[in-house]
C-alpha atoms as a PDB file:
ATOM      1  CA  MET A   1     -45.943 -28.848  21.174  1.00  0.00           C
ATOM      2  CA  ARG A   2     -42.309 -29.877  21.221  1.00  0.00           C
ATOM      3  CA  TYR A   3     -40.305 -28.243  18.432  1.00  0.00           C
ATOM      4  CA  LEU A   4     -36.765 -29.021  17.309  1.00  0.00           C
ATOM      5  CA  ILE A   5     -35.060 -26.348  15.212  1.00  0.00           C
ATOM      6  CA  THR A   6     -31.837 -27.256  13.404  1.00  0.00           C
ATOM      7  CA  GLY A   7     -29.827 -24.150  12.668  1.00  0.00           C
ATOM      8  CA  GLY A   8     -31.876 -22.550  15.403  1.00  0.00           C
ATOM      9  CA  CYS A   9     -29.339 -19.780  15.996  1.00  0.00           C
ATOM     10  CA  GLY A  10     -29.394 -18.674  12.373  1.00  0.00           C
ATOM     11  CA  PHE A  11     -31.518 -15.810  11.118  1.00  0.00           C
ATOM     12  CA  VAL A  12     -34.774 -17.636  10.357  1.00  0.00           C
ATOM     13  CA  GLY A  13     -34.239 -20.196  13.114  1.00  0.00           C
ATOM     14  CA  THR A  14     -33.854 -17.508  15.754  1.00  0.00           C
ATOM     15  CA  ASN A  15     -37.040 -15.756  14.660  1.00  0.00           C
ATOM     16  CA  VAL A  16     -38.971 -19.046  14.675  1.00  0.00           C
ATOM     17  CA  ALA A  17     -37.554 -20.017  18.076  1.00  0.00           C
ATOM     18  CA  ALA A  18     -38.404 -16.651  19.613  1.00  0.00           C
ATOM     19  CA  ARG A  19     -42.038 -16.915  18.493  1.00  0.00           C
ATOM     20  CA  LEU A  20     -42.391 -20.443  19.872  1.00  0.00           C
ATOM     21  CA  ILE A  21     -40.707 -19.554  23.155  1.00  0.00           C
ATOM     22  CA  LYS A  22     -43.108 -16.651  23.641  1.00  0.00           C
ATOM     23  CA  GLN A  23     -46.020 -19.009  22.930  1.00  0.00           C
ATOM     24  CA  GLY A  24     -44.832 -21.273  25.732  1.00  0.00           C
ATOM     25  CA  ASP A  25     -43.960 -24.240  23.537  1.00  0.00           C
ATOM     26  CA  ASP A  26     -41.164 -26.688  24.339  1.00  0.00           C
ATOM     27  CA  VAL A  27     -38.311 -25.482  22.111  1.00  0.00           C
ATOM     28  CA  ILE A  28     -35.037 -27.286  21.445  1.00  0.00           C
ATOM     29  CA  VAL A  29     -32.484 -25.330  19.426  1.00  0.00           C
ATOM     30  CA  VAL A  30     -29.715 -27.280  17.679  1.00  0.00           C
ATOM     31  CA  ASP A  31     -26.748 -25.359  16.307  1.00  0.00           C
ATOM     32  CA  ASN A  32     -22.971 -25.700  16.018  1.00  0.00           C
ATOM     33  CA  LEU A  33     -22.553 -21.885  16.166  1.00  0.00           C
ATOM     34  CA  PHE A  34     -20.356 -21.978  13.063  1.00  0.00           C
ATOM     35  CA  ARG A  35     -21.990 -19.150  11.174  1.00  0.00           C
ATOM     36  CA  HIS A  36     -21.356 -15.460  11.842  1.00  0.00           C
ATOM     37  CA  GLY A  37     -24.123 -14.095  14.069  1.00  0.00           C
ATOM     38  CA  SER A  38     -25.175 -17.413  15.605  1.00  0.00           C
ATOM     39  CA  ALA A  39     -23.466 -16.800  18.951  1.00  0.00           C
ATOM     40  CA  PRO A  40     -25.104 -13.377  19.548  1.00  0.00           C
ATOM     41  CA  ASN A  41     -28.437 -14.837  18.429  1.00  0.00           C
ATOM     42  CA  LEU A  42     -28.098 -17.600  21.024  1.00  0.00           C
ATOM     43  CA  GLU A  43     -27.305 -15.012  23.676  1.00  0.00           C
ATOM     44  CA  TRP A  44     -30.325 -12.947  22.612  1.00  0.00           C
ATOM     45  CA  LEU A  45     -32.651 -15.964  22.709  1.00  0.00           C
ATOM     46  CA  SER A  46     -31.715 -16.467  26.352  1.00  0.00           C
ATOM     47  CA  THR A  47     -33.378 -13.106  27.062  1.00  0.00           C
ATOM     48  CA  VAL A  48     -36.616 -14.152  25.347  1.00  0.00           C
ATOM     49  CA  GLY A  49     -37.548 -17.067  27.585  1.00  0.00           C
ATOM     50  CA  LYS A  50     -37.004 -20.703  28.380  1.00  0.00           C
ATOM     51  CA  PHE A  51     -35.608 -23.111  25.783  1.00  0.00           C
ATOM     52  CA  ARG A  52     -32.927 -25.771  25.414  1.00  0.00           C
ATOM     53  CA  TRP A  53     -29.818 -25.409  23.270  1.00  0.00           C
ATOM     54  CA  LEU A  54     -27.989 -28.530  22.132  1.00  0.00           C
ATOM     55  CA  TYR A  55     -24.620 -28.300  20.441  1.00  0.00           C
ATOM     56  CA  ALA A  56     -24.703 -30.604  17.420  1.00  0.00           C
ATOM     57  CA  ASP A  57     -23.564 -30.671  13.813  1.00  0.00           C
ATOM     58  CA  THR A  58     -26.124 -32.073  11.377  1.00  0.00           C
ATOM     59  CA  ARG A  59     -23.274 -33.474   9.256  1.00  0.00           C
ATOM     60  CA  ASN A  60     -22.658 -35.947  12.070  1.00  0.00           C
ATOM     61  CA  ALA A  61     -25.243 -38.748  11.915  1.00  0.00           C
ATOM     62  CA  ASN A  62     -24.599 -39.754  15.532  1.00  0.00           C
ATOM     63  CA  ASP A  63     -25.220 -36.190  16.739  1.00  0.00           C
ATOM     64  CA  VAL A  64     -28.509 -35.986  14.898  1.00  0.00           C
ATOM     65  CA  GLU A  65     -29.762 -39.446  15.848  1.00  0.00           C
ATOM     66  CA  ARG A  66     -28.902 -38.856  19.503  1.00  0.00           C
ATOM     67  CA  VAL A  67     -30.843 -35.596  19.564  1.00  0.00           C
ATOM     68  CA  VAL A  68     -33.936 -36.861  17.738  1.00  0.00           C
ATOM     69  CA  ALA A  69     -34.067 -40.105  19.747  1.00  0.00           C
ATOM     70  CA  SER A  70     -33.863 -38.241  23.047  1.00  0.00           C
ATOM     71  CA  VAL A  71     -36.162 -35.327  22.179  1.00  0.00           C
ATOM     72  CA  ARG A  72     -38.789 -37.110  20.012  1.00  0.00           C
ATOM     73  CA  PRO A  73     -40.190 -33.829  18.721  1.00  0.00           C
ATOM     74  CA  ASP A  74     -43.658 -33.198  17.351  1.00  0.00           C
ATOM     75  CA  ALA A  75     -42.187 -31.019  14.602  1.00  0.00           C
ATOM     76  CA  ILE A  76     -38.765 -30.169  13.190  1.00  0.00           C
ATOM     77  CA  PHE A  77     -37.875 -27.006  11.341  1.00  0.00           C
ATOM     78  CA  HIS A  78     -34.801 -28.092   9.409  1.00  0.00           C
ATOM     79  CA  LEU A  79     -33.012 -24.803   8.823  1.00  0.00           C
ATOM     80  CA  ALA A  80     -29.378 -25.846   9.255  1.00  0.00           C
ATOM     81  CA  GLY A  81     -27.464 -25.449   6.026  1.00  0.00           C
ATOM     82  CA  GLN A  82     -24.823 -23.807   3.908  1.00  0.00           C
ATOM     83  CA  VAL A  83     -26.565 -20.760   2.478  1.00  0.00           C
ATOM     84  CA  ALA A  84     -24.170 -18.923   0.131  1.00  0.00           C
ATOM     85  CA  MET A  85     -23.647 -19.697  -3.542  1.00  0.00           C
ATOM     86  CA  THR A  86     -20.142 -18.220  -3.413  1.00  0.00           C
ATOM     87  CA  THR A  87     -19.170 -20.568  -0.593  1.00  0.00           C
ATOM     88  CA  SER A  88     -20.564 -23.533  -2.513  1.00  0.00           C
ATOM     89  CA  ILE A  89     -18.314 -22.697  -5.451  1.00  0.00           C
ATOM     90  CA  ALA A  90     -15.281 -22.218  -3.223  1.00  0.00           C
ATOM     91  CA  ASP A  91     -15.894 -25.429  -1.241  1.00  0.00           C
ATOM     92  CA  PRO A  92     -18.371 -27.783  -2.960  1.00  0.00           C
ATOM     93  CA  ARG A  93     -17.672 -30.627  -0.542  1.00  0.00           C
ATOM     94  CA  LEU A  94     -18.562 -28.555   2.518  1.00  0.00           C
ATOM     95  CA  ASP A  95     -21.705 -27.411   0.730  1.00  0.00           C
ATOM     96  CA  PHE A  96     -22.677 -31.009  -0.139  1.00  0.00           C
ATOM     97  CA  GLU A  97     -21.974 -32.420   3.307  1.00  0.00           C
ATOM     98  CA  THR A  98     -23.874 -29.637   5.050  1.00  0.00           C
ATOM     99  CA  ASN A  99     -26.942 -29.504   2.823  1.00  0.00           C
ATOM    100  CA  VAL A 100     -27.310 -33.055   1.517  1.00  0.00           C
ATOM    101  CA  VAL A 101     -25.671 -35.290   4.130  1.00  0.00           C
ATOM    102  CA  GLY A 102     -27.067 -33.154   6.940  1.00  0.00           C
ATOM    103  CA  THR A 103     -30.572 -33.507   5.540  1.00  0.00           C
ATOM    104  CA  ILE A 104     -30.269 -37.273   5.081  1.00  0.00           C
ATOM    105  CA  ASN A 105     -29.155 -37.525   8.698  1.00  0.00           C
ATOM    106  CA  VAL A 106     -32.238 -35.650   9.859  1.00  0.00           C
ATOM    107  CA  LEU A 107     -34.578 -37.732   7.707  1.00  0.00           C
ATOM    108  CA  GLU A 108     -33.069 -41.031   8.819  1.00  0.00           C
ATOM    109  CA  ALA A 109     -33.206 -40.074  12.479  1.00  0.00           C
ATOM    110  CA  VAL A 110     -36.871 -39.143  12.151  1.00  0.00           C
ATOM    111  CA  ARG A 111     -37.674 -42.307  10.192  1.00  0.00           C
ATOM    112  CA  LYS A 112     -36.134 -44.441  12.948  1.00  0.00           C
ATOM    113  CA  HIS A 113     -37.172 -42.600  16.080  1.00  0.00           C
ATOM    114  CA  ALA A 114     -40.031 -40.131  15.415  1.00  0.00           C
ATOM    115  CA  PRO A 115     -41.925 -41.170  12.261  1.00  0.00           C
ATOM    116  CA  GLU A 116     -44.995 -39.067  13.135  1.00  0.00           C
ATOM    117  CA  CYS A 117     -42.922 -35.896  13.402  1.00  0.00           C
ATOM    118  CA  ALA A 118     -43.585 -33.105  10.885  1.00  0.00           C
ATOM    119  CA  ILE A 119     -40.487 -31.799   9.062  1.00  0.00           C
ATOM    120  CA  VAL A 120     -40.474 -28.404   7.354  1.00  0.00           C
ATOM    121  CA  TYR A 121     -37.383 -27.755   5.235  1.00  0.00           C
ATOM    122  CA  SER A 122     -35.886 -24.486   4.022  1.00  0.00           C
ATOM    123  CA  SER A 123     -35.071 -24.943   0.331  1.00  0.00           C
ATOM    124  CA  SER A 124     -34.323 -22.260  -2.253  1.00  0.00           C
ATOM    125  CA  ASN A 125     -35.533 -20.709  -5.474  1.00  0.00           C
ATOM    126  CA  LYS A 126     -32.103 -21.690  -6.851  1.00  0.00           C
ATOM    127  CA  VAL A 127     -33.497 -25.166  -7.559  1.00  0.00           C
ATOM    128  CA  TYR A 128     -35.074 -23.564 -10.651  1.00  0.00           C
ATOM    129  CA  GLY A 129     -31.727 -22.564 -12.158  1.00  0.00           C
ATOM    130  CA  ASP A 130     -31.050 -19.302 -13.978  1.00  0.00           C
ATOM    131  CA  LEU A 131     -34.492 -19.285 -15.694  1.00  0.00           C
ATOM    132  CA  VAL A 132     -32.992 -18.050 -18.981  1.00  0.00           C
ATOM    133  CA  ARG A 133     -35.534 -20.067 -20.952  1.00  0.00           C
ATOM    134  CA  TYR A 134     -38.154 -17.394 -20.202  1.00  0.00           C
ATOM    135  CA  GLU A 135     -38.539 -14.035 -21.925  1.00  0.00           C
ATOM    136  CA  TYR A 136     -37.777 -10.802 -20.078  1.00  0.00           C
ATOM    137  CA  GLU A 137     -38.094  -7.093 -20.712  1.00  0.00           C
ATOM    138  CA  GLU A 138     -35.733  -4.497 -19.293  1.00  0.00           C
ATOM    139  CA  GLY A 139     -37.297  -1.385 -17.808  1.00  0.00           C
ATOM    140  CA  ASP A 140     -35.743   1.714 -16.311  1.00  0.00           C
ATOM    141  CA  SER A 141     -35.271   0.177 -12.867  1.00  0.00           C
ATOM    142  CA  ARG A 142     -36.066  -3.525 -13.164  1.00  0.00           C
ATOM    143  CA  TYR A 143     -36.469  -6.615 -15.285  1.00  0.00           C
ATOM    144  CA  ASN A 144     -39.916  -8.116 -15.742  1.00  0.00           C
ATOM    145  CA  CYS A 145     -40.694 -11.629 -16.903  1.00  0.00           C
ATOM    146  CA  ILE A 146     -43.057 -11.498 -19.846  1.00  0.00           C
ATOM    147  CA  ASP A 147     -43.884 -15.214 -19.575  1.00  0.00           C
ATOM    148  CA  ARG A 148     -44.486 -15.201 -15.800  1.00  0.00           C
ATOM    149  CA  PRO A 149     -45.519 -11.652 -14.845  1.00  0.00           C
ATOM    150  CA  ALA A 150     -47.039 -12.767 -11.519  1.00  0.00           C
ATOM    151  CA  GLY A 151     -44.095 -14.992 -10.622  1.00  0.00           C
ATOM    152  CA  PHE A 152     -43.077 -18.643 -10.774  1.00  0.00           C
ATOM    153  CA  ASP A 153     -45.209 -21.446  -9.365  1.00  0.00           C
ATOM    154  CA  GLU A 154     -44.217 -24.949  -8.247  1.00  0.00           C
ATOM    155  CA  ASP A 155     -44.719 -26.399 -11.738  1.00  0.00           C
ATOM    156  CA  THR A 156     -41.636 -24.512 -12.936  1.00  0.00           C
ATOM    157  CA  PRO A 157     -39.161 -27.185 -14.103  1.00  0.00           C
ATOM    158  CA  LEU A 158     -36.272 -27.900 -11.756  1.00  0.00           C
ATOM    159  CA  GLU A 159     -32.824 -27.110 -13.117  1.00  0.00           C
ATOM    160  CA  PHE A 160     -30.010 -27.200 -10.582  1.00  0.00           C
ATOM    161  CA  HIS A 161     -27.218 -24.690 -11.261  1.00  0.00           C
ATOM    162  CA  SER A 162     -24.092 -24.225  -9.118  1.00  0.00           C
ATOM    163  CA  PRO A 163     -23.058 -26.538  -6.273  1.00  0.00           C
ATOM    164  CA  TYR A 164     -25.479 -24.645  -4.038  1.00  0.00           C
ATOM    165  CA  GLY A 165     -28.382 -25.251  -6.393  1.00  0.00           C
ATOM    166  CA  CYS A 166     -27.435 -28.928  -6.601  1.00  0.00           C
ATOM    167  CA  SER A 167     -27.148 -29.418  -2.842  1.00  0.00           C
ATOM    168  CA  LYS A 168     -30.359 -27.578  -1.971  1.00  0.00           C
ATOM    169  CA  GLY A 169     -32.159 -29.260  -4.836  1.00  0.00           C
ATOM    170  CA  ALA A 170     -30.986 -32.737  -3.822  1.00  0.00           C
ATOM    171  CA  ALA A 171     -32.074 -32.164  -0.221  1.00  0.00           C
ATOM    172  CA  ASP A 172     -35.380 -30.747  -1.476  1.00  0.00           C
ATOM    173  CA  GLN A 173     -36.041 -33.927  -3.474  1.00  0.00           C
ATOM    174  CA  TYR A 174     -35.037 -36.235  -0.618  1.00  0.00           C
ATOM    175  CA  LEU A 175     -37.611 -34.536   1.609  1.00  0.00           C
ATOM    176  CA  LEU A 176     -40.337 -35.128  -0.954  1.00  0.00           C
ATOM    177  CA  ASP A 177     -39.251 -38.702  -1.617  1.00  0.00           C
ATOM    178  CA  TYR A 178     -39.173 -39.632   2.073  1.00  0.00           C
ATOM    179  CA  ALA A 179     -42.835 -38.627   2.120  1.00  0.00           C
ATOM    180  CA  ARG A 180     -43.548 -40.871  -0.877  1.00  0.00           C
ATOM    181  CA  ILE A 181     -41.473 -43.900   0.117  1.00  0.00           C
ATOM    182  CA  PHE A 182     -41.508 -43.830   3.905  1.00  0.00           C
ATOM    183  CA  GLY A 183     -44.645 -41.827   4.640  1.00  0.00           C
ATOM    184  CA  LEU A 184     -42.875 -39.066   6.548  1.00  0.00           C
ATOM    185  CA  LYS A 185     -44.710 -35.783   6.988  1.00  0.00           C
ATOM    186  CA  THR A 186     -42.341 -33.528   5.099  1.00  0.00           C
ATOM    187  CA  VAL A 187     -42.878 -30.068   3.610  1.00  0.00           C
ATOM    188  CA  VAL A 188     -40.455 -28.137   1.392  1.00  0.00           C
ATOM    189  CA  PHE A 189     -40.353 -24.336   1.238  1.00  0.00           C
ATOM    190  CA  ARG A 190     -38.584 -22.970  -1.850  1.00  0.00           C
ATOM    191  CA  HIS A 191     -37.755 -19.529  -0.550  1.00  0.00           C
ATOM    192  CA  SER A 192     -37.165 -16.291  -2.318  1.00  0.00           C
ATOM    193  CA  SER A 193     -35.564 -13.548  -0.147  1.00  0.00           C
ATOM    194  CA  ILE A 194     -36.246 -13.392   3.610  1.00  0.00           C
ATOM    195  CA  TYR A 195     -34.979 -10.421   5.603  1.00  0.00           C
ATOM    196  CA  GLY A 196     -35.412  -8.629   8.925  1.00  0.00           C
ATOM    197  CA  GLY A 197     -34.086  -8.472  12.465  1.00  0.00           C
ATOM    198  CA  ARG A 198     -31.485 -10.944  13.806  1.00  0.00           C
ATOM    199  CA  GLN A 199     -29.971 -11.368  10.315  1.00  0.00           C
ATOM    200  CA  PHE A 200     -26.217 -10.795  10.360  1.00  0.00           C
ATOM    201  CA  SER A 201     -25.826 -10.354   6.615  1.00  0.00           C
ATOM    202  CA  THR A 202     -22.617 -10.718   4.643  1.00  0.00           C
ATOM    203  CA  PHE A 203     -21.681  -9.690   1.112  1.00  0.00           C
ATOM    204  CA  ASP A 204     -22.724 -13.103  -0.230  1.00  0.00           C
ATOM    205  CA  GLN A 205     -25.814 -13.870   1.851  1.00  0.00           C
ATOM    206  CA  GLY A 206     -28.769 -11.767   2.973  1.00  0.00           C
ATOM    207  CA  TRP A 207     -28.662  -9.102   0.275  1.00  0.00           C
ATOM    208  CA  VAL A 208     -31.390  -6.854   1.713  1.00  0.00           C
ATOM    209  CA  GLY A 209     -29.684  -6.585   5.092  1.00  0.00           C
ATOM    210  CA  TRP A 210     -26.254  -6.202   3.496  1.00  0.00           C
ATOM    211  CA  PHE A 211     -27.247  -3.231   1.350  1.00  0.00           C
ATOM    212  CA  CYS A 212     -29.179  -1.669   4.229  1.00  0.00           C
ATOM    213  CA  THR A 213     -25.940  -1.893   6.208  1.00  0.00           C
ATOM    214  CA  GLN A 214     -23.946  -0.237   3.430  1.00  0.00           C
ATOM    215  CA  ALA A 215     -26.483   2.587   3.232  1.00  0.00           C
ATOM    216  CA  ILE A 216     -26.340   3.196   6.987  1.00  0.00           C
ATOM    217  CA  GLU A 217     -22.551   3.252   6.957  1.00  0.00           C
ATOM    218  CA  GLN A 218     -22.454   5.724   4.070  1.00  0.00           C
ATOM    219  CA  ARG A 219     -24.995   7.923   5.822  1.00  0.00           C
ATOM    220  CA  ASP A 220     -22.805   7.877   8.919  1.00  0.00           C
ATOM    221  CA  GLY A 221     -19.783   9.120   7.021  1.00  0.00           C
ATOM    222  CA  ASP A 222     -18.060   6.046   5.601  1.00  0.00           C
ATOM    223  CA  PRO A 223     -16.369   7.365   2.424  1.00  0.00           C
ATOM    224  CA  GLY A 224     -16.062   3.926   0.836  1.00  0.00           C
ATOM    225  CA  ARG A 225     -18.048   2.472  -2.030  1.00  0.00           C
ATOM    226  CA  PHE A 226     -19.715  -0.936  -2.142  1.00  0.00           C
ATOM    227  CA  THR A 227     -20.115  -3.164  -5.190  1.00  0.00           C
ATOM    228  CA  ILE A 228     -23.048  -4.828  -6.892  1.00  0.00           C
ATOM    229  CA  SER A 229     -23.066  -7.675  -9.407  1.00  0.00           C
ATOM    230  CA  GLY A 230     -24.899  -6.851 -12.610  1.00  0.00           C
ATOM    231  CA  ASN A 231     -26.768  -3.670 -13.477  1.00  0.00           C
ATOM    232  CA  GLY A 232     -28.979  -3.623 -10.392  1.00  0.00           C
ATOM    233  CA  LYS A 233     -32.218  -4.373 -12.233  1.00  0.00           C
ATOM    234  CA  GLN A 234     -32.429  -7.971 -10.978  1.00  0.00           C
ATOM    235  CA  VAL A 235     -35.712  -8.555  -9.150  1.00  0.00           C
ATOM    236  CA  ARG A 236     -36.602 -10.646  -6.095  1.00  0.00           C
ATOM    237  CA  ASP A 237     -39.692 -10.708  -3.928  1.00  0.00           C
ATOM    238  CA  VAL A 238     -38.886 -10.005  -0.290  1.00  0.00           C
ATOM    239  CA  LEU A 239     -40.528 -11.580   2.748  1.00  0.00           C
ATOM    240  CA  TYR A 240     -40.204 -10.086   6.215  1.00  0.00           C
ATOM    241  CA  ALA A 241     -39.127 -12.446   8.993  1.00  0.00           C
ATOM    242  CA  SER A 242     -42.392 -12.374  10.952  1.00  0.00           C
ATOM    243  CA  ASP A 243     -44.322 -13.394   7.824  1.00  0.00           C
ATOM    244  CA  ALA A 244     -41.892 -16.255   7.244  1.00  0.00           C
ATOM    245  CA  VAL A 245     -42.454 -17.453  10.818  1.00  0.00           C
ATOM    246  CA  ASP A 246     -46.220 -17.373  10.265  1.00  0.00           C
ATOM    247  CA  CYS A 247     -45.750 -19.573   7.222  1.00  0.00           C
ATOM    248  CA  TYR A 248     -43.607 -22.121   9.053  1.00  0.00           C
ATOM    249  CA  LEU A 249     -46.076 -22.470  11.900  1.00  0.00           C
ATOM    250  CA  SER A 250     -48.954 -22.742   9.451  1.00  0.00           C
ATOM    251  CA  ALA A 251     -47.244 -25.663   7.718  1.00  0.00           C
ATOM    252  CA  VAL A 252     -47.241 -27.614  10.986  1.00  0.00           C
ATOM    253  CA  GLU A 253     -50.839 -26.675  11.730  1.00  0.00           C
ATOM    254  CA  ASN A 254     -51.870 -27.882   8.258  1.00  0.00           C
ATOM    255  CA  ILE A 255     -49.431 -30.773   7.976  1.00  0.00           C
ATOM    256  CA  GLU A 256     -52.004 -33.328   6.830  1.00  0.00           C
ATOM    257  CA  GLN A 257     -52.905 -31.150   3.851  1.00  0.00           C
ATOM    258  CA  ALA A 258     -49.347 -29.974   3.165  1.00  0.00           C
ATOM    259  CA  LYS A 259     -47.255 -33.117   3.659  1.00  0.00           C
ATOM    260  CA  GLY A 260     -45.262 -34.385   0.720  1.00  0.00           C
ATOM    261  CA  GLN A 261     -45.482 -31.079  -1.122  1.00  0.00           C
ATOM    262  CA  ALA A 262     -43.230 -28.178  -2.108  1.00  0.00           C
ATOM    263  CA  PHE A 263     -44.293 -24.544  -1.863  1.00  0.00           C
ATOM    264  CA  ASN A 264     -42.804 -21.415  -3.392  1.00  0.00           C
ATOM    265  CA  ILE A 265     -42.578 -18.926  -0.533  1.00  0.00           C
ATOM    266  CA  GLY A 266     -41.858 -15.213  -0.796  1.00  0.00           C
ATOM    267  CA  GLY A 267     -43.436 -11.813  -0.606  1.00  0.00           C
ATOM    268  CA  GLY A 268     -45.134 -12.191  -3.975  1.00  0.00           C
ATOM    269  CA  ILE A 269     -45.249  -9.712  -6.821  1.00  0.00           C
ATOM    270  CA  ASP A 270     -46.597  -6.914  -4.586  1.00  0.00           C
ATOM    271  CA  ASN A 271     -43.440  -7.123  -2.465  1.00  0.00           C
ATOM    272  CA  SER A 272     -40.866  -7.392  -5.241  1.00  0.00           C
ATOM    273  CA  LEU A 273     -37.830  -5.135  -5.496  1.00  0.00           C
ATOM    274  CA  SER A 274     -34.882  -4.691  -7.776  1.00  0.00           C
ATOM    275  CA  LEU A 275     -31.548  -3.573  -6.336  1.00  0.00           C
ATOM    276  CA  LEU A 276     -32.072  -0.143  -7.869  1.00  0.00           C
ATOM    277  CA  GLU A 277     -35.518   0.117  -6.307  1.00  0.00           C
ATOM    278  CA  LEU A 278     -34.135  -0.905  -2.912  1.00  0.00           C
ATOM    279  CA  PHE A 279     -31.411   1.727  -3.258  1.00  0.00           C
ATOM    280  CA  ALA A 280     -33.974   4.415  -4.098  1.00  0.00           C
ATOM    281  CA  LEU A 281     -35.984   3.480  -1.010  1.00  0.00           C
ATOM    282  CA  LEU A 282     -32.883   3.529   1.217  1.00  0.00           C
ATOM    283  CA  GLU A 283     -31.815   6.905  -0.186  1.00  0.00           C
ATOM    284  CA  GLU A 284     -35.255   8.272   0.706  1.00  0.00           C
ATOM    285  CA  LEU A 285     -35.362   6.734   4.202  1.00  0.00           C
ATOM    286  CA  LEU A 286     -31.795   7.665   5.154  1.00  0.00           C
ATOM    287  CA  SER A 287     -31.352  10.912   3.189  1.00  0.00           C
ATOM    288  CA  VAL A 288     -28.188   9.600   1.574  1.00  0.00           C
ATOM    289  CA  LYS A 289     -26.894   9.262  -1.984  1.00  0.00           C
ATOM    290  CA  LEU A 290     -25.479   5.764  -2.356  1.00  0.00           C
ATOM    291  CA  ARG A 291     -22.092   5.278  -3.990  1.00  0.00           C
ATOM    292  CA  TYR A 292     -21.258   1.931  -5.555  1.00  0.00           C
ATOM    293  CA  ASP A 293     -19.349   0.211  -8.339  1.00  0.00           C
ATOM    294  CA  VAL A 294     -20.737  -2.340 -10.785  1.00  0.00           C
ATOM    295  CA  ASN A 295     -19.170  -5.766 -11.275  1.00  0.00           C
ATOM    296  CA  PRO A 296     -20.117  -8.383 -13.905  1.00  0.00           C
ATOM    297  CA  PRO A 297     -23.240 -10.457 -13.128  1.00  0.00           C
ATOM    298  CA  ARG A 298     -22.814 -13.495 -10.890  1.00  0.00           C
ATOM    299  CA  GLU A 299     -22.754 -16.928 -12.470  1.00  0.00           C
ATOM    300  CA  SER A 300     -26.273 -18.423 -12.826  1.00  0.00           C
ATOM    301  CA  ASP A 301     -27.936 -15.327 -11.390  1.00  0.00           C
ATOM    302  CA  GLN A 302     -31.645 -14.947 -12.072  1.00  0.00           C
ATOM    303  CA  LEU A 303     -32.750 -11.715 -13.730  1.00  0.00           C
ATOM    304  CA  PHE A 304     -36.164 -12.093 -12.127  1.00  0.00           C
ATOM    305  CA  PHE A 305     -37.512 -14.379  -9.464  1.00  0.00           C
ATOM    306  CA  VAL A 306     -40.823 -13.763  -7.763  1.00  0.00           C
ATOM    307  CA  ALA A 307     -42.632 -16.571  -5.988  1.00  0.00           C
ATOM    308  CA  ASP A 308     -46.184 -17.228  -7.117  1.00  0.00           C
ATOM    309  CA  ILE A 309     -47.655 -17.902  -3.661  1.00  0.00           C
ATOM    310  CA  THR A 310     -51.088 -19.046  -4.840  1.00  0.00           C
ATOM    311  CA  LYS A 311     -50.590 -22.623  -3.638  1.00  0.00           C
ATOM    312  CA  ALA A 312     -49.290 -21.564  -0.234  1.00  0.00           C
ATOM    313  CA  SER A 313     -52.188 -19.150   0.118  1.00  0.00           C
ATOM    314  CA  ARG A 314     -54.688 -21.900  -0.675  1.00  0.00           C
ATOM    315  CA  ILE A 315     -53.301 -24.716   1.471  1.00  0.00           C
ATOM    316  CA  LEU A 316     -51.477 -22.829   4.236  1.00  0.00           C
ATOM    317  CA  SER A 317     -53.596 -19.653   4.326  1.00  0.00           C
ATOM    318  CA  PHE A 318     -50.311 -17.813   3.825  1.00  0.00           C
ATOM    319  CA  ARG A 319     -50.466 -14.095   3.155  1.00  0.00           C
ATOM    320  CA  PRO A 320     -47.602 -11.631   3.654  1.00  0.00           C
ATOM    321  CA  ARG A 321     -48.675  -8.863   6.014  1.00  0.00           C
ATOM    322  CA  VAL A 322     -45.577  -6.661   6.118  1.00  0.00           C
ATOM    323  CA  SER A 323     -45.039  -4.543   3.003  1.00  0.00           C
ATOM    324  CA  ALA A 324     -41.604  -4.195   1.488  1.00  0.00           C
ATOM    325  CA  ARG A 325     -41.371  -0.556   2.574  1.00  0.00           C
ATOM    326  CA  GLU A 326     -42.441  -1.303   6.143  1.00  0.00           C
ATOM    327  CA  GLY A 327     -40.072  -4.247   6.324  1.00  0.00           C
ATOM    328  CA  ILE A 328     -37.114  -2.202   5.071  1.00  0.00           C
ATOM    329  CA  GLU A 329     -37.897   0.475   7.664  1.00  0.00           C
ATOM    330  CA  LYS A 330     -37.961  -2.153  10.422  1.00  0.00           C
ATOM    331  CA  THR A 331     -34.728  -3.699   9.179  1.00  0.00           C
ATOM    332  CA  VAL A 332     -32.952  -0.349   9.175  1.00  0.00           C
ATOM    333  CA  GLU A 333     -34.198   0.301  12.719  1.00  0.00           C
ATOM    334  CA  TRP A 334     -32.854  -3.055  13.907  1.00  0.00           C
ATOM    335  CA  LEU A 335     -29.489  -2.536  12.230  1.00  0.00           C
ATOM    336  CA  VAL A 336     -29.084   0.918  13.748  1.00  0.00           C
ATOM    337  CA  SER A 337     -30.055  -0.420  17.171  1.00  0.00           C
ATOM    338  CA  ASN A 338     -27.620  -3.308  16.833  1.00  0.00           C
ATOM    339  CA  GLN A 339     -24.877  -0.879  15.801  1.00  0.00           C
ATOM    340  CA  GLN A 340     -25.507   1.240  18.870  1.00  0.00           C
ATOM    341  CA  THR A 341     -25.497  -1.678  21.293  1.00  0.00           C
ATOM    342  CA  SER A 342     -22.596  -3.660  19.870  1.00  0.00           C
ATOM    343  CA  GLY A 343     -20.381  -1.009  18.313  1.00  0.00           C
ATOM    344  CA  ARG A 344     -20.718  -2.534  14.856  1.00  0.00           C
ATOM    345  CA  ILE A 345     -23.330  -3.638  12.368  1.00  0.00           C
END
């Protein structure tokens, strides 16, 4: 198989690329190395095995068309994108051009030059908005959704909030419409929270890795305090990177059954965590008492989002294998190792 991965030096892209390289597939990684962590991920991939890296920016239609026309891939994992809500608010145009224009460029290039190619797109649970129309209860450490106790399925009404929600949602819908109108083999994954090794988290993206980093630094003697937005009882389901890779590869394997459809992808209710529950786990694993300050909640934040993965389980045979506890342990191990080898986390 010949795979093209846009954003292939990002967190998820690097994990997907590494798996495919080890399998012996023909892997082409496309990335402009703009995001923090992409350059070291590219360097690390070179130690995994043979692949091709092409410098290209998906916002540039000529770049994308040139790559797709020359490579003619069997499958594309379209992972290039602007991934932070805070950035989308600070620079809505950049967010739009990266997520919407970049996606149109990929779709048009495939329509013209590789119409049989499968395209799997990384969308977001943010396409469902703040979900305030549902009823919640507040417990000691978390919120629970009374109306959707097992999580939200794909029939949840779309409601784009924030520039990020609009851009991811628009791209999401273009993928589905190109399947309807042009017959392309597209699949949309509406992700909850993915985490694990090769994720260079920041304060506004990759919350699991970011708070793991803060806990390690406090354990190692950093006297500072970090901040959280809201009371810490917000809940997300977490999906370890290797499970996410399994899901992506399964979508290609089952493309005839999956094409033209959206799937909610996450760890499911059994792998859900609030911030407070993550902190309790980190305090146990690292023997540290975390110190932090509380800021007001973020605009359009969801009190509770857990993906109901029933559809993905049925059509893609998707089942998370790494528990939240095991995944957090692995993430901490990777962060500590990265700190030791690079002098920083």
